């Protein structure tokens, strides 16, 4: 017979939610940092074609 599962405690639920939000916040910070570095031209680990590079190929 099917038996209902035990109820998850609110602290366990909140802990999981906090972990999820922390990961999302970290990714958002990294994306913002990468965007800023691309705009200033200081990006080292991200290849981003600029208008100057595209004009030389044609």
N, C-alpha and C. Protein backbone atom coordinates (compact mmCIF):
# COMPACT_ATOMS: atom_id res chain seq x y z
N UNK A 1 0.83 -1.19 0.00
CA UNK A 1 0.00 0.00 0.00
C UNK A 1 0.87 1.25 0.00
N UNK A 2 0.35 2.30 -0.60
CA UNK A 2 1.08 3.57 -0.64
C UNK A 2 1.01 4.25 0.72
N UNK A 3 2.15 4.76 1.15
CA UNK A 3 2.22 5.44 2.44
C UNK A 3 2.66 6.88 2.18
N UNK A 4 1.99 7.86 2.78
CA UNK A 4 2.40 9.25 2.57
C UNK A 4 3.82 9.51 3.08
N UNK A 5 4.51 10.39 2.41
CA UNK A 5 5.86 10.75 2.84
C UNK A 5 5.78 11.67 4.04
N UNK A 6 6.89 11.75 4.78
CA UNK A 6 6.95 12.66 5.91
C UNK A 6 7.00 14.10 5.40
N UNK A 7 6.44 14.99 6.17
CA UNK A 7 6.45 16.40 5.80
C UNK A 7 7.86 16.98 5.96
N UNK A 8 8.29 17.75 4.98
CA UNK A 8 9.59 18.40 5.06
C UNK A 8 9.50 19.59 6.01
N UNK A 9 10.48 19.71 6.89
CA UNK A 9 10.45 20.82 7.85
C UNK A 9 10.66 22.14 7.12
N UNK A 10 10.14 23.19 7.73
CA UNK A 10 10.26 24.51 7.11
C UNK A 10 11.71 24.96 7.03
N UNK A 11 12.52 24.57 8.01
CA UNK A 11 13.93 24.97 7.98
C UNK A 11 14.67 24.30 6.82
N UNK A 12 14.35 23.03 6.56
CA UNK A 12 14.97 22.31 5.45
C UNK A 12 14.54 22.93 4.12
N UNK A 13 13.26 23.26 4.01
CA UNK A 13 12.75 23.90 2.80
C UNK A 13 13.42 25.25 2.57
N UNK A 14 13.52 26.05 3.64
CA UNK A 14 14.13 27.37 3.52
C UNK A 14 15.61 27.26 3.18
N UNK A 15 16.27 26.23 3.71
CA UNK A 15 17.69 26.03 3.42
C UNK A 15 17.89 25.73 1.94
N UNK A 16 17.03 24.87 1.38
CA UNK A 16 17.13 24.56 -0.05
C UNK A 16 16.86 25.78 -0.91
N UNK A 17 15.87 26.57 -0.52
CA UNK A 17 15.52 27.77 -1.28
C UNK A 17 16.66 28.79 -1.23
N UNK A 18 17.29 28.92 -0.06
CA UNK A 18 18.40 29.86 0.10
C UNK A 18 19.58 29.45 -0.76
N UNK A 19 19.86 28.14 -0.84
CA UNK A 19 20.95 27.65 -1.66
C UNK A 19 20.68 27.96 -3.13
N UNK A 20 19.46 27.73 -3.57
CA UNK A 20 19.08 27.98 -4.96
C UNK A 20 19.24 29.46 -5.29
N UNK A 21 18.77 30.33 -4.38
CA UNK A 21 18.87 31.77 -4.62
C UNK A 21 20.31 32.24 -4.60
N UNK A 22 21.15 31.63 -3.74
CA UNK A 22 22.56 32.01 -3.68
C UNK A 22 23.25 31.69 -4.99
N UNK A 23 22.95 30.51 -5.55
CA UNK A 23 23.55 30.13 -6.84
C UNK A 23 23.12 31.09 -7.94
N UNK A 24 21.83 31.44 -7.96
CA UNK A 24 21.32 32.36 -8.97
C UNK A 24 21.95 33.74 -8.84
N UNK A 25 22.13 34.20 -7.61
CA UNK A 25 22.74 35.50 -7.37
C UNK A 25 24.19 35.53 -7.84
N UNK A 26 24.91 34.43 -7.60
CA UNK A 26 26.31 34.35 -8.03
C UNK A 26 26.41 34.40 -9.55
N UNK A 27 25.53 33.67 -10.25
CA UNK A 27 25.54 33.68 -11.71
C UNK A 27 25.19 35.07 -12.25
N UNK A 28 24.25 35.76 -11.60
CA UNK A 28 23.88 37.10 -12.03
C UNK A 28 25.06 38.06 -11.86
N UNK A 29 25.78 37.94 -10.76
CA UNK A 29 26.95 38.79 -10.53
C UNK A 29 28.02 38.54 -11.59
N UNK A 30 28.24 37.25 -11.93
CA UNK A 30 29.25 36.93 -12.94
C UNK A 30 28.85 37.47 -14.31
N UNK A 31 27.57 37.36 -14.65
CA UNK A 31 27.10 37.86 -15.94
C UNK A 31 27.25 39.37 -16.02
N UNK A 32 26.92 40.06 -14.94
CA UNK A 32 27.05 41.52 -14.91
C UNK A 32 28.51 41.93 -15.03
N UNK A 33 29.38 41.22 -14.33
CA UNK A 33 30.81 41.52 -14.38
C UNK A 33 31.36 41.31 -15.79
N UNK A 34 30.94 40.22 -16.43
CA UNK A 34 31.40 39.94 -17.79
C UNK A 34 30.90 41.01 -18.75
N UNK A 35 29.65 41.41 -18.59
CA UNK A 35 29.10 42.47 -19.44
C UNK A 35 29.86 43.77 -19.29
N UNK A 36 30.18 44.12 -18.06
CA UNK A 36 30.94 45.36 -17.82
C UNK A 36 32.33 45.28 -18.43
N UNK A 37 32.99 44.12 -18.30
CA UNK A 37 34.34 44.00 -18.84
C UNK A 37 34.33 44.03 -20.36
N UNK A 38 33.27 43.50 -20.97
CA UNK A 38 33.16 43.56 -22.44
C UNK A 38 32.98 45.00 -22.89
N UNK A 39 32.14 45.74 -22.19
CA UNK A 39 31.90 47.13 -22.57
C UNK A 39 33.15 47.98 -22.42
N UNK A 40 33.98 47.70 -21.43
CA UNK A 40 35.19 48.49 -21.23
C UNK A 40 36.35 47.97 -22.07
N UNK A 41 36.19 46.78 -22.68
CA UNK A 41 37.24 46.23 -23.51
C UNK A 41 38.31 45.49 -22.74
N UNK A 42 38.04 45.12 -21.51
CA UNK A 42 39.05 44.46 -20.68
C UNK A 42 38.82 42.95 -20.58
N UNK A 43 37.85 42.43 -21.32
CA UNK A 43 37.54 41.00 -21.24
C UNK A 43 38.70 40.19 -21.82
N UNK A 44 39.14 39.18 -21.09
CA UNK A 44 40.25 38.34 -21.53
C UNK A 44 39.76 36.95 -21.95
N UNK A 45 38.78 36.41 -21.23
CA UNK A 45 38.35 35.03 -21.48
C UNK A 45 37.08 34.93 -22.29
N UNK A 46 36.72 35.98 -23.01
CA UNK A 46 35.47 35.97 -23.76
C UNK A 46 35.73 36.58 -25.13
N UNK A 47 35.44 35.83 -26.19
CA UNK A 47 35.68 36.33 -27.55
C UNK A 47 34.42 37.05 -28.00
N UNK A 48 34.57 38.31 -28.31
CA UNK A 48 33.44 39.13 -28.71
C UNK A 48 33.85 39.93 -29.95
N UNK A 49 33.23 39.64 -31.11
CA UNK A 49 33.63 40.36 -32.34
C UNK A 49 33.22 41.83 -32.27
N UNK A 50 34.15 42.69 -32.62
CA UNK A 50 33.85 44.11 -32.67
C UNK A 50 33.70 44.55 -34.11
N UNK A 51 33.19 45.74 -34.33
CA UNK A 51 32.98 46.25 -35.69
C UNK A 51 34.30 46.39 -36.43
N UNK A 52 35.37 46.71 -35.72
CA UNK A 52 36.68 46.89 -36.35
C UNK A 52 37.18 45.57 -36.94
N UNK A 53 36.99 44.47 -36.23
CA UNK A 53 37.44 43.16 -36.69
C UNK A 53 36.63 42.70 -37.90
N UNK A 54 35.32 42.96 -37.90
CA UNK A 54 34.46 42.53 -38.98
C UNK A 54 34.79 43.28 -40.27
N UNK A 55 35.20 44.54 -40.18
CA UNK A 55 35.51 45.33 -41.36
C UNK A 55 36.77 44.84 -42.06
N UNK A 56 37.71 44.27 -41.35
CA UNK A 56 38.97 43.81 -41.93
C UNK A 56 38.82 42.53 -42.72
N UNK A 57 37.82 41.72 -42.45
CA UNK A 57 37.65 40.45 -43.13
C UNK A 57 37.04 40.61 -44.51
N UNK A 58 36.27 41.64 -44.74
CA UNK A 58 35.56 41.80 -46.02
C UNK A 58 36.44 42.33 -47.11
